[in-house]
């Protein structure tokens, strides 16, 4: 089974050429190449919780520290944690990849 990226799971339409990309802008997770391949995702699509500027509940999220509480209860974040199990790349490693 192919693992979904956040924009596929959430159906937000903010991926490049997505239905809402013109209106809301392309999501930074969809174009963050430093995280390409993490958790078998495209760009930052399976590590969106560490990327500034993603959208949650219709609102653009700020820094990692500001958004992480929301991500902890996110259905997609918890799906990735479950799917990856012991292979989940830790948040600190993901943040270092973004430096």
N, C-alpha and C. Protein backbone atom coordinates (compact mmCIF):
# COMPACT_ATOMS: atom_id res chain seq x y z
N UNK A 1 0.84 -1.20 0.00
CA UNK A 1 0.00 0.00 0.00
C UNK A 1 0.88 1.25 0.00
N UNK A 2 0.58 2.18 -0.89
CA UNK A 2 1.31 3.44 -0.96
C UNK A 2 0.93 4.32 0.24
N UNK A 3 1.93 4.85 0.89
CA UNK A 3 1.68 5.74 2.02
C UNK A 3 1.31 7.11 1.50
N UNK A 4 0.31 7.72 2.11
CA UNK A 4 -0.18 9.02 1.66
C UNK A 4 0.66 10.15 2.24
N UNK A 5 0.78 11.21 1.44
CA UNK A 5 1.34 12.47 1.91
C UNK A 5 0.22 13.25 2.58
N UNK A 6 0.60 14.26 3.35
CA UNK A 6 -0.40 15.00 4.12
C UNK A 6 -1.49 15.60 3.24
N UNK A 7 -1.11 16.17 2.09
CA UNK A 7 -2.12 16.80 1.23
C UNK A 7 -3.07 15.78 0.62
N UNK A 8 -2.62 14.55 0.45
CA UNK A 8 -3.50 13.50 -0.05
C UNK A 8 -4.46 13.05 1.05
N UNK A 9 -3.94 12.92 2.25
CA UNK A 9 -4.75 12.49 3.39
C UNK A 9 -5.76 13.57 3.79
N UNK A 10 -5.29 14.80 3.91
CA UNK A 10 -6.14 15.91 4.36
C UNK A 10 -7.01 16.50 3.25
N UNK A 11 -6.63 16.21 2.00
CA UNK A 11 -7.37 16.75 0.84
C UNK A 11 -7.49 18.27 0.89
N UNK A 12 -6.39 18.93 1.23
CA UNK A 12 -6.38 20.39 1.38
C UNK A 12 -6.30 21.12 0.04
N UNK A 13 -5.77 20.46 -0.99
CA UNK A 13 -5.66 21.10 -2.29
C UNK A 13 -4.53 22.11 -2.41
N UNK A 14 -3.58 22.10 -1.46
CA UNK A 14 -2.48 23.08 -1.49
C UNK A 14 -1.20 22.53 -2.10
N UNK A 15 -1.23 21.32 -2.67
CA UNK A 15 -0.06 20.82 -3.37
C UNK A 15 0.09 21.61 -4.68
N UNK A 16 1.29 21.59 -5.31
CA UNK A 16 1.44 22.30 -6.59
C UNK A 16 0.35 21.85 -7.56
N UNK A 17 -0.25 22.78 -8.23
CA UNK A 17 -1.40 22.62 -9.13
C UNK A 17 -2.62 22.01 -8.44
N UNK A 18 -2.67 22.06 -7.12
CA UNK A 18 -3.84 21.61 -6.38
C UNK A 18 -4.99 22.59 -6.55
N UNK A 19 -6.19 22.16 -6.23
CA UNK A 19 -7.39 22.97 -6.47
C UNK A 19 -7.43 24.26 -5.65
N UNK A 20 -6.68 24.35 -4.55
CA UNK A 20 -6.69 25.56 -3.73
C UNK A 20 -5.34 26.26 -3.71
N UNK A 21 -4.40 25.80 -4.52
CA UNK A 21 -3.05 26.38 -4.53
C UNK A 21 -3.07 27.85 -4.93
N UNK A 22 -3.89 28.22 -5.91
CA UNK A 22 -3.96 29.62 -6.33
C UNK A 22 -4.56 30.50 -5.24
N UNK A 23 -5.60 29.98 -4.61
CA UNK A 23 -6.32 30.74 -3.58
C UNK A 23 -5.53 30.86 -2.27
N UNK A 24 -4.96 29.75 -1.79
CA UNK A 24 -4.32 29.72 -0.48
C UNK A 24 -2.80 29.64 -0.53
N UNK A 25 -2.25 29.41 -1.71
CA UNK A 25 -0.82 29.25 -1.85
C UNK A 25 -0.42 27.79 -1.76
N UNK A 26 0.73 27.47 -2.32
CA UNK A 26 1.24 26.10 -2.27
C UNK A 26 1.80 25.87 -0.87
N UNK A 27 1.46 24.75 -0.28
CA UNK A 27 1.90 24.42 1.07
C UNK A 27 3.41 24.16 1.09
N UNK A 28 4.11 24.71 2.09
CA UNK A 28 5.55 24.47 2.19
C UNK A 28 5.91 22.98 2.32
N UNK A 29 5.05 22.17 2.90
CA UNK A 29 5.34 20.74 3.02
C UNK A 29 5.40 20.07 1.65
N UNK A 30 4.61 20.56 0.72
CA UNK A 30 4.55 19.96 -0.61
C UNK A 30 5.79 20.26 -1.45
N UNK A 31 6.58 21.24 -1.05
CA UNK A 31 7.75 21.62 -1.85
C UNK A 31 9.07 21.57 -1.07
N UNK A 32 9.04 21.12 0.17
CA UNK A 32 10.26 21.08 1.00
C UNK A 32 11.11 19.87 0.63
N UNK A 33 12.08 20.10 -0.24
CA UNK A 33 12.89 19.01 -0.80
C UNK A 33 13.88 18.41 0.20
N UNK A 34 14.22 19.11 1.25
CA UNK A 34 15.17 18.58 2.24
C UNK A 34 14.61 17.36 2.97
N UNK A 35 13.30 17.18 2.94
CA UNK A 35 12.68 16.04 3.62
C UNK A 35 12.13 15.01 2.63
N UNK A 36 12.50 15.15 1.36
CA UNK A 36 12.02 14.21 0.35
C UNK A 36 12.45 12.79 0.70
N UNK A 37 11.51 11.87 0.69
CA UNK A 37 11.78 10.47 0.99
C UNK A 37 11.61 10.08 2.44
N UNK A 38 11.54 11.06 3.34
CA UNK A 38 11.34 10.75 4.76
C UNK A 38 9.99 10.05 4.92
N UNK A 39 10.00 8.93 5.60
CA UNK A 39 8.80 8.12 5.82
C UNK A 39 8.13 7.73 4.50
N UNK A 40 8.92 7.60 3.45
CA UNK A 40 8.44 7.24 2.10
C UNK A 40 7.53 8.30 1.49
N UNK A 41 7.71 9.54 1.89
CA UNK A 41 6.88 10.62 1.37
C UNK A 41 7.55 11.45 0.30
N UNK A 42 6.75 12.27 -0.36
CA UNK A 42 7.26 13.21 -1.35
C UNK A 42 7.51 14.54 -0.66
N UNK A 43 8.71 15.07 -0.85
CA UNK A 43 9.12 16.32 -0.22
C UNK A 43 8.84 16.24 1.28
N UNK A 44 8.12 17.19 1.86
CA UNK A 44 7.83 17.14 3.29
C UNK A 44 6.47 16.54 3.62
N UNK A 45 5.91 15.79 2.70
CA UNK A 45 4.54 15.30 2.83
C UNK A 45 4.28 14.30 3.93
N UNK A 46 5.34 13.71 4.51
CA UNK A 46 5.14 12.79 5.63
C UNK A 46 5.96 13.22 6.84
N UNK A 47 6.24 14.53 6.89
CA UNK A 47 6.94 15.12 8.04
C UNK A 47 6.48 16.57 8.20
N UNK A 48 5.23 16.83 7.87
CA UNK A 48 4.70 18.20 7.82
C UNK A 48 4.73 18.90 9.18
N UNK A 49 4.75 18.13 10.26
CA UNK A 49 4.71 18.73 11.60
C UNK A 49 5.94 19.55 11.94
N UNK A 50 7.03 19.39 11.20
CA UNK A 50 8.23 20.19 11.48
C UNK A 50 8.39 21.36 10.52
N UNK A 51 7.44 21.55 9.63
CA UNK A 51 7.56 22.58 8.59
C UNK A 51 6.70 23.79 8.92
N UNK A 52 7.33 24.94 8.95
CA UNK A 52 6.64 26.20 9.21
C UNK A 52 5.75 26.57 8.03
N UNK A 53 4.56 27.08 8.31
CA UNK A 53 3.68 27.59 7.27
C UNK A 53 2.68 26.60 6.72
N UNK A 54 2.61 25.41 7.30
CA UNK A 54 1.57 24.47 6.87
C UNK A 54 0.24 24.96 7.42
N UNK A 55 -0.85 24.44 6.90
CA UNK A 55 -2.17 24.90 7.29
C UNK A 55 -2.88 23.81 8.10
N UNK A 56 -3.55 24.22 9.15
CA UNK A 56 -4.31 23.28 9.96
C UNK A 56 -5.62 23.94 10.35
N UNK A 57 -6.70 23.27 10.07
CA UNK A 57 -8.00 23.82 10.41
C UNK A 57 -8.29 25.16 9.76
N UNK A 58 -7.73 25.37 8.57
CA UNK A 58 -7.97 26.60 7.84
C UNK A 58 -7.06 27.75 8.23
N UNK A 59 -6.11 27.52 9.14
CA UNK A 59 -5.20 28.58 9.58
C UNK A 59 -3.76 28.19 9.32
N UNK A 60 -2.97 29.14 8.82
CA UNK A 60 -1.56 28.89 8.62
C UNK A 60 -0.90 28.81 9.99
N UNK A 61 -0.09 27.77 10.16
CA UNK A 61 0.59 27.54 11.43
C UNK A 61 1.96 28.21 11.42
N UNK A 62 2.42 28.62 12.59
CA UNK A 62 3.68 29.33 12.72
C UNK A 62 4.86 28.41 12.90
N UNK A 63 5.73 28.77 13.82
CA UNK A 63 6.95 28.01 14.06
C UNK A 63 6.62 26.63 14.60
N UNK A 64 7.63 25.77 14.58
CA UNK A 64 7.46 24.42 15.11
C UNK A 64 6.96 24.47 16.55
N UNK A 65 7.56 25.31 17.37
CA UNK A 65 7.16 25.39 18.78
C UNK A 65 5.71 25.82 18.93
N UNK A 66 5.25 26.72 18.05
CA UNK A 66 3.87 27.20 18.12
C UNK A 66 2.87 26.15 17.65
N UNK A 67 3.25 25.34 16.70
CA UNK A 67 2.28 24.42 16.10
C UNK A 67 2.32 23.00 16.64
N UNK A 68 3.40 22.61 17.32
CA UNK A 68 3.58 21.21 17.67
C UNK A 68 2.47 20.66 18.56
N UNK A 69 1.92 21.48 19.42
CA UNK A 69 0.81 21.02 20.28
C UNK A 69 -0.37 20.56 19.42
N UNK A 70 -0.69 21.33 18.38
CA UNK A 70 -1.77 20.95 17.47
C UNK A 70 -1.43 19.68 16.71
N UNK A 71 -0.17 19.55 16.32
CA UNK A 71 0.24 18.38 15.56
C UNK A 71 0.13 17.10 16.39
N UNK A 72 0.34 17.21 17.67
CA UNK A 72 0.26 16.04 18.54
C UNK A 72 -1.10 15.38 18.55
N UNK A 73 -2.14 16.13 18.23
CA UNK A 73 -3.49 15.57 18.19
C UNK A 73 -4.01 15.41 16.75
N UNK A 74 -3.13 15.62 15.79
CA UNK A 74 -3.52 15.55 14.37
C UNK A 74 -3.67 14.09 13.93
N UNK A 75 -4.76 13.80 13.22
CA UNK A 75 -5.00 12.44 12.74
C UNK A 75 -3.93 11.98 11.76
N UNK A 76 -3.41 12.87 10.94
CA UNK A 76 -2.37 12.48 9.99
C UNK A 76 -1.05 12.19 10.71
N UNK A 77 -0.65 13.05 11.61
CA UNK A 77 0.57 12.83 12.39
C UNK A 77 0.51 11.48 13.11
N UNK A 78 -0.61 11.19 13.73
CA UNK A 78 -0.75 9.93 14.46
C UNK A 78 -0.79 8.72 13.51
N UNK A 79 -1.31 8.90 12.30
CA UNK A 79 -1.26 7.84 11.30
C UNK A 79 0.19 7.54 10.91
N UNK A 80 0.97 8.58 10.65
CA UNK A 80 2.37 8.38 10.28
C UNK A 80 3.11 7.69 11.43
N UNK A 81 2.87 8.11 12.65
CA UNK A 81 3.52 7.47 13.80
C UNK A 81 3.19 5.97 13.85
N UNK A 82 1.93 5.65 13.61
CA UNK A 82 1.50 4.25 13.64
C UNK A 82 2.12 3.47 12.48
N UNK A 83 2.06 4.03 11.27
CA UNK A 83 2.60 3.34 10.09
C UNK A 83 4.11 3.12 10.19
N UNK A 84 4.83 4.10 10.73
CA UNK A 84 6.29 4.01 10.78
C UNK A 84 6.79 3.23 11.99
N UNK A 85 6.02 3.21 13.07
CA UNK A 85 6.43 2.46 14.26
C UNK A 85 7.84 2.82 14.69
N UNK A 86 8.69 1.82 14.85
CA UNK A 86 10.06 2.03 15.28
C UNK A 86 10.95 2.71 14.25
N UNK A 87 10.45 2.87 13.03
CA UNK A 87 11.22 3.55 11.98
C UNK A 87 10.90 5.04 11.88
N UNK A 88 10.06 5.55 12.78
CA UNK A 88 9.72 6.97 12.75
C UNK A 88 10.98 7.79 12.99
N UNK A 89 11.26 8.71 12.08
CA UNK A 89 12.40 9.61 12.24
C UNK A 89 12.02 10.64 13.30
N UNK A 90 12.87 10.80 14.30
CA UNK A 90 12.55 11.70 15.41
C UNK A 90 12.47 13.15 14.95
N UNK A 91 11.71 13.92 15.67
CA UNK A 91 11.52 15.32 15.35
C UNK A 91 12.84 16.07 15.33
N UNK A 92 13.72 15.79 16.27
CA UNK A 92 15.00 16.50 16.31
C UNK A 92 15.83 16.22 15.06
N UNK A 93 15.81 14.99 14.57
CA UNK A 93 16.53 14.66 13.33
C UNK A 93 15.89 15.38 12.14
N UNK A 94 14.57 15.43 12.10
CA UNK A 94 13.88 16.14 11.01
C UNK A 94 14.22 17.62 11.02
N UNK A 95 14.22 18.23 12.20
CA UNK A 95 14.54 19.65 12.30
C UNK A 95 15.98 19.92 11.85
N UNK A 96 16.89 19.03 12.16
CA UNK A 96 18.29 19.19 11.72
C UNK A 96 18.41 19.11 10.21
N UNK A 97 17.59 18.27 9.56
CA UNK A 97 17.61 18.16 8.11
C UNK A 97 17.16 19.48 7.45
N UNK A 98 16.35 20.25 8.17
CA UNK A 98 15.85 21.51 7.63
C UNK A 98 16.83 22.68 7.78
N UNK A 99 17.86 22.48 8.59
CA UNK A 99 18.81 23.58 8.84
C UNK A 99 19.57 23.94 7.58
